C-alpha cells in the first residue's frame, strides 16, 4: 500500500562557511532507502523544480528518504552564483550525503538531472560506498559540452543586441575565463573556478558502482538510448545491475513553460528497490 507522505521539511545545511537550502521528504511508510537529488545547471534547475518535487514525493510515498538540495550560490542557498565553484558543489553533495545518512541510517543513493548527474557520478567515484546506486536523468556526460551550450547564450544575446556594445565576433568567452575573468551569461556571472573544472569534467561510472538507473526522455516513441550512453553503460562490470531506458515525455528542463514527465516518475519508481 502506498501512503501519503508528510510535507517536506525545509532547512539550511552548513557546508563550511556557507549554507545550502534543503528539502527533506521523509518516508510515508517503513523506510527502504535514502536518496540525494542533485539539480541541473543554471536555468535548467528552475525549469525542473516541479518535476523534481513530483518525483521526490512519489519516492517518499514508497518509503524513501529524499533530500533535495540547492547547490551553493543557486536557488535559495547562500552566496552568489558568481562565487560558486565546482569543488564547492562537490562539497555540497558530500555534505548532503553525510546528513541524510545521519538521519536515515541508509547510505544514500545519488539522483542527478543533467549536470547534476555528472556531479553525482563524480561524488560517487570520489567516495564509493557498497550497495549505493546512481539514478541519472538525461545526464550530461561532458561538462565541456554543457559549458559550450551555455556560453552560446552569450553569443546569442550579442547578436540580438541584448548586450549593449557587445561584438558577436569577439573572442571566445573561454579565453576570458582562462585569464581569470568572470563573465556574464544570460544573467549569470560565471567564475573561472566553476567553469574551467566543469569543462574538464566527464561523467564517471565507478567500477564499484553496482546499481545504475539511467533514464532518458524523448517525445519520439521509437527513440533509443544515445550512443554515448550505451558506451558508458557497457563499460560497467557484468555484476552491475543496470536499468536503462528511454521514456516518453518532454524535455522539461529546457521547455518554455513548466512541464513534467509522468512516465519518467513512474519509470524511476519502478526501477528502484521497494
Protein backbone atom coordinates (compact mmCIF):
# COMPACT_ATOMS: atom_id res chain seq x y z
CA UNK A 1 0.00 0.00 0.00
CA UNK A 2 1.31 3.48 -0.91
CA UNK A 3 0.86 6.07 1.83
CA UNK A 4 0.68 9.81 1.54
CA UNK A 5 3.97 11.44 2.67
CA UNK A 6 4.14 14.34 5.09
CA UNK A 7 5.06 17.77 3.66
CA UNK A 8 8.77 18.21 3.01
CA UNK A 9 10.77 19.92 5.75
CA UNK A 10 12.92 22.88 4.61
CA UNK A 11 16.18 23.73 6.36
CA UNK A 12 19.66 25.12 5.80
CA UNK A 13 22.61 22.75 5.96
CA UNK A 14 26.01 24.23 6.92
CA UNK A 15 28.81 23.40 4.49
CA UNK A 16 31.99 25.02 5.73
CA UNK A 17 31.37 28.76 5.95
CA UNK A 18 28.24 28.67 3.78
CA UNK A 19 24.75 27.15 3.93
CA UNK A 20 22.76 25.26 1.33
CA UNK A 21 18.98 25.09 1.20
CA UNK A 22 17.50 21.60 1.55
CA UNK A 23 14.09 19.93 1.46
CA UNK A 24 13.80 16.63 3.30
CA UNK A 25 10.98 14.32 2.24
CA UNK A 26 10.54 11.72 4.99
CA UNK A 27 9.20 8.29 4.01
CA UNK A 28 5.48 7.80 4.46
CA UNK A 29 5.92 4.10 5.28
CA UNK A 30 8.70 1.84 6.56
CA UNK A 31 11.93 3.25 5.18
CA UNK A 32 13.58 1.30 2.36
CA UNK A 33 16.38 3.67 1.39
CA UNK A 34 17.65 7.22 1.01
CA UNK A 35 18.45 9.36 -1.97
CA UNK A 36 20.00 12.83 -2.55
CA UNK A 37 18.81 14.85 -5.54
CA UNK A 38 21.48 16.90 -7.35
CA UNK A 39 19.88 19.55 -9.59
CA UNK A 40 20.92 20.70 -13.07
CA UNK A 41 22.73 23.86 -14.15
CA UNK A 42 21.51 27.46 -14.27
CA UNK A 43 18.05 27.95 -15.76
CA UNK A 44 17.57 24.20 -16.21
CA UNK A 45 17.30 23.97 -12.41
CA UNK A 46 14.37 26.41 -12.33
CA UNK A 47 12.58 24.64 -15.19
CA UNK A 48 12.96 21.28 -13.39
CA UNK A 49 11.77 22.14 -9.88
CA UNK A 50 8.24 20.82 -10.34
CA UNK A 51 9.41 17.57 -11.93
CA UNK A 52 11.91 17.01 -9.11
CA UNK A 53 9.29 17.73 -6.45
CA UNK A 54 6.79 15.29 -8.01
CA UNK A 55 9.43 12.56 -8.12
CA UNK A 56 10.55 13.24 -4.55
CA UNK A 57 7.02 12.96 -3.22
CA UNK A 58 6.40 9.79 -5.22
CA UNK A 59 9.52 8.16 -3.77
CA UNK A 60 8.71 9.28 -0.22
CA UNK A 61 5.30 7.63 -0.60
CA UNK A 62 7.15 4.38 -1.35
CA UNK A 63 9.40 4.53 1.70
CA UNK A 64 12.39 6.60 0.56
CA UNK A 65 14.08 9.43 2.39
CA UNK A 66 14.69 12.06 -0.30
CA UNK A 67 16.83 15.16 0.16
CA UNK A 68 16.58 17.90 -2.46
CA UNK A 69 19.37 20.47 -2.38
CA UNK A 70 20.11 23.81 -3.98
CA UNK A 71 23.82 23.99 -4.73
CA UNK A 72 25.81 26.90 -3.27
CA UNK A 73 25.03 30.21 -4.95
CA UNK A 74 21.85 28.87 -6.59
CA UNK A 75 18.17 28.84 -5.71
CA UNK A 76 17.57 29.55 -2.04
CA UNK A 77 21.08 28.62 -0.91
CA UNK A 78 23.50 31.16 0.49
CA UNK A 79 26.04 33.01 -1.60
CA UNK A 80 26.02 34.39 -5.11
CA UNK A 81 26.28 32.37 -8.29
CA UNK A 82 29.42 34.32 -9.11
CA UNK A 83 31.10 32.79 -6.04
CA UNK A 84 30.11 29.19 -6.82
CA UNK A 85 32.93 26.75 -7.51
CA UNK A 86 32.98 23.23 -8.90
CA UNK A 87 34.79 21.88 -5.84
CA UNK A 88 32.31 23.69 -3.63
CA UNK A 89 29.42 21.98 -5.40
CA UNK A 90 31.04 18.60 -4.87
CA UNK A 91 31.40 19.50 -1.18
CA UNK A 92 27.68 20.35 -1.10
CA UNK A 93 26.80 16.90 -2.44
CA UNK A 94 29.11 15.22 0.06
CA UNK A 95 27.62 17.20 2.96
CA UNK A 96 24.12 16.23 1.83
CA UNK A 97 25.15 12.56 1.70
CA UNK A 98 26.52 12.70 5.25
CA UNK A 99 23.45 14.48 6.62
CA UNK A 100 20.97 12.10 5.05
CA UNK A 101 22.91 9.08 6.28
CA UNK A 102 22.85 10.50 9.81
CA UNK A 103 19.07 10.97 9.60
CA UNK A 104 18.07 7.78 7.82
CA UNK A 105 20.71 5.16 8.63
CA UNK A 106 20.89 4.36 4.90
CA UNK A 107 23.93 5.22 2.78
CA UNK A 108 22.19 7.44 0.22
CA UNK A 109 21.90 6.81 -3.46
CA UNK A 110 22.50 9.86 -5.64
CA UNK A 111 19.97 11.07 -8.21
CA UNK A 112 21.13 13.68 -10.70
CA UNK A 113 19.42 15.51 -13.53
CA UNK A 114 21.53 16.78 -16.44
CA UNK A 115 24.71 18.38 -14.98
CA UNK A 116 23.57 17.13 -11.59
CA UNK A 117 24.11 13.62 -12.94
CA UNK A 118 27.71 14.44 -13.77
CA UNK A 119 28.26 15.88 -10.28
CA UNK A 120 26.59 12.85 -8.69
CA UNK A 121 28.77 10.44 -10.65
CA UNK A 122 31.92 12.30 -9.60
CA UNK A 123 30.85 12.29 -5.95
CA UNK A 124 30.34 8.53 -6.00
CA UNK A 125 33.63 8.00 -7.80
CA UNK A 126 35.44 10.01 -5.14
CA UNK A 127 33.71 8.19 -2.27
CA UNK A 128 32.17 4.89 -3.39
CA UNK A 129 30.03 3.01 -0.88
CA UNK A 130 28.98 -0.65 -1.17
CA UNK A 131 25.43 -1.03 -2.37
CA UNK A 132 24.92 2.64 -3.21
CA UNK A 133 23.19 3.28 -6.52
CA UNK A 134 23.06 6.10 -9.01
CA UNK A 135 19.93 7.46 -10.69
CA UNK A 136 20.60 9.53 -13.80
CA UNK A 137 18.01 11.59 -15.62
CA UNK A 138 19.16 12.70 -19.09
CA UNK A 139 22.71 13.04 -17.76
CA UNK A 140 25.31 15.42 -19.16
CA UNK A 141 28.29 13.22 -19.99
CA UNK A 142 30.64 16.08 -20.91
CA UNK A 143 31.00 19.20 -18.81
CA UNK A 144 32.70 20.93 -21.73
CA UNK A 145 29.65 20.36 -23.93
CA UNK A 146 27.32 21.75 -21.24
CA UNK A 147 29.52 24.81 -20.80
CA UNK A 148 29.76 25.44 -24.54
CA UNK A 149 25.98 25.28 -24.87
CA UNK A 150 25.66 27.77 -22.02
CA UNK A 151 28.24 30.15 -23.50
CA UNK A 152 26.33 30.18 -26.78
CA UNK A 153 23.64 32.13 -24.92
CA UNK A 154 26.14 34.96 -24.56
CA UNK A 155 26.86 35.00 -28.28
CA UNK A 156 23.13 34.86 -28.99
CA UNK A 157 22.50 37.87 -26.74
CA UNK A 158 25.16 39.83 -28.58
CA UNK A 159 23.63 39.07 -31.98
CA UNK A 160 20.19 40.11 -30.70
CA UNK A 161 21.58 43.35 -29.30
CA UNK A 162 20.70 42.49 -25.71
CA UNK A 163 24.24 43.31 -24.54
CA UNK A 164 24.94 46.95 -25.49
CA UNK A 165 28.34 47.32 -27.07
CA UNK A 166 28.91 43.58 -27.34
CA UNK A 167 30.56 42.35 -30.52
CA UNK A 168 29.20 38.93 -31.57
CA UNK A 169 32.55 38.32 -33.30
CA UNK A 170 34.51 38.94 -30.11
CA UNK A 171 36.95 36.46 -28.61
CA UNK A 172 35.89 33.10 -27.24
CA UNK A 173 34.43 33.64 -23.72
CA UNK A 174 36.60 30.75 -22.56
CA UNK A 175 39.64 32.94 -23.21
CA UNK A 176 38.41 35.40 -20.60
CA UNK A 177 37.71 32.63 -18.12
CA UNK A 178 41.20 31.20 -18.64
CA UNK A 179 42.58 34.66 -17.96
CA UNK A 180 40.84 34.66 -14.58
CA UNK A 181 37.89 36.86 -15.53
CA UNK A 182 34.26 36.35 -14.58
CA UNK A 183 31.82 36.63 -17.48
CA UNK A 184 28.09 37.27 -17.56
CA UNK A 185 25.93 34.82 -19.47
CA UNK A 186 22.13 35.12 -19.55
CA UNK A 187 22.11 36.96 -16.23
CA UNK A 188 24.53 34.56 -14.52
CA UNK A 189 28.00 35.77 -13.54
CA UNK A 190 30.21 32.75 -14.21
CA UNK A 191 33.57 32.35 -12.46
CA UNK A 192 36.66 30.52 -13.75
CA UNK A 193 36.65 28.33 -10.61
CA UNK A 194 33.28 26.95 -11.68
CA UNK A 195 33.56 26.99 -15.45
CA UNK A 196 37.06 25.58 -16.01
CA UNK A 197 36.71 22.47 -13.80
CA UNK A 198 33.29 21.93 -15.34
CA UNK A 199 34.86 21.98 -18.80
CA UNK A 200 37.31 19.29 -17.70
CA UNK A 201 34.67 17.06 -16.09
CA UNK A 202 33.29 13.90 -17.69
CA UNK A 203 30.68 11.54 -16.36
CA UNK A 204 32.28 8.71 -14.41
CA UNK A 205 30.70 5.35 -13.66
CA UNK A 206 32.83 3.90 -10.90
CA UNK A 207 33.83 0.26 -11.16
CA UNK A 208 32.49 -0.07 -7.61
CA UNK A 209 29.03 1.03 -8.74
CA UNK A 210 26.69 -1.96 -8.67
CA UNK A 211 23.31 -0.33 -9.37
CA UNK A 212 22.55 2.26 -12.05
CA UNK A 213 19.21 3.64 -13.21
CA UNK A 214 19.77 5.59 -16.45
CA UNK A 215 16.67 7.23 -17.91
CA UNK A 216 16.42 9.48 -20.94
CA UNK A 217 13.35 11.34 -22.17
CA UNK A 218 12.11 11.74 -25.72
CA UNK A 219 8.83 12.70 -27.42
CA UNK A 220 9.58 10.08 -30.08
CA UNK A 221 8.06 6.64 -29.39
CA UNK A 222 10.90 4.86 -31.24
CA UNK A 223 13.80 6.66 -29.53
CA UNK A 224 16.72 4.64 -28.18
CA UNK A 225 19.49 5.41 -25.74
CA UNK A 226 22.15 7.78 -27.02
CA UNK A 227 25.26 6.05 -28.39
CA UNK A 228 27.45 7.66 -25.72
CA UNK A 229 25.09 6.41 -23.02
CA UNK A 230 25.30 2.85 -24.34
CA UNK A 231 29.09 3.02 -24.45
CA UNK A 232 29.38 4.20 -20.84
CA UNK A 233 26.94 1.61 -19.55
CA UNK A 234 28.64 -1.21 -21.44
CA UNK A 235 31.86 -0.47 -19.58
CA UNK A 236 30.32 -1.31 -16.21
CA UNK A 237 31.25 -4.68 -14.70
CA UNK A 238 28.97 -7.60 -15.50
CA UNK A 239 27.95 -7.74 -11.85
CA UNK A 240 26.36 -4.28 -12.05
CA UNK A 241 22.57 -4.11 -12.08
CA UNK A 242 21.62 -1.63 -14.82
CA UNK A 243 18.14 -0.34 -15.60
CA UNK A 244 18.33 1.86 -18.69
CA UNK A 245 15.57 3.05 -20.98
CA UNK A 246 14.01 5.96 -22.85
CA UNK A 247 10.60 7.12 -21.64
CA UNK A 248 8.04 9.29 -23.36
CA UNK A 249 7.93 12.92 -22.33
CA UNK A 250 9.04 16.48 -22.99
CA UNK A 251 12.48 17.96 -22.39
CA UNK A 252 11.07 19.75 -19.33
CA UNK A 253 14.45 21.14 -18.23
CA UNK A 254 14.56 23.42 -21.28
CA UNK A 255 10.86 23.90 -22.13
CA UNK A 256 9.42 27.39 -22.50
CA UNK A 257 6.67 26.63 -19.99
CA UNK A 258 6.94 24.49 -16.88
CA UNK A 259 6.33 20.86 -17.89
CA UNK A 260 6.61 17.45 -16.24
CA UNK A 261 7.12 13.89 -17.44
CA UNK A 262 4.77 11.49 -15.60
CA UNK A 263 6.24 8.46 -17.38
CA UNK A 264 9.67 9.39 -16.05
CA UNK A 265 8.34 9.50 -12.49
CA UNK A 266 6.72 6.07 -12.90
CA UNK A 267 9.80 4.56 -14.53
CA UNK A 268 12.03 5.85 -11.72
CA UNK A 269 9.77 4.43 -9.02
CA UNK A 270 9.60 1.09 -10.81
CA UNK A 271 13.39 0.91 -11.20
CA UNK A 272 14.21 1.47 -7.52
CA UNK A 273 14.02 -1.19 -4.79
CA UNK A 274 10.75 -1.18 -2.89
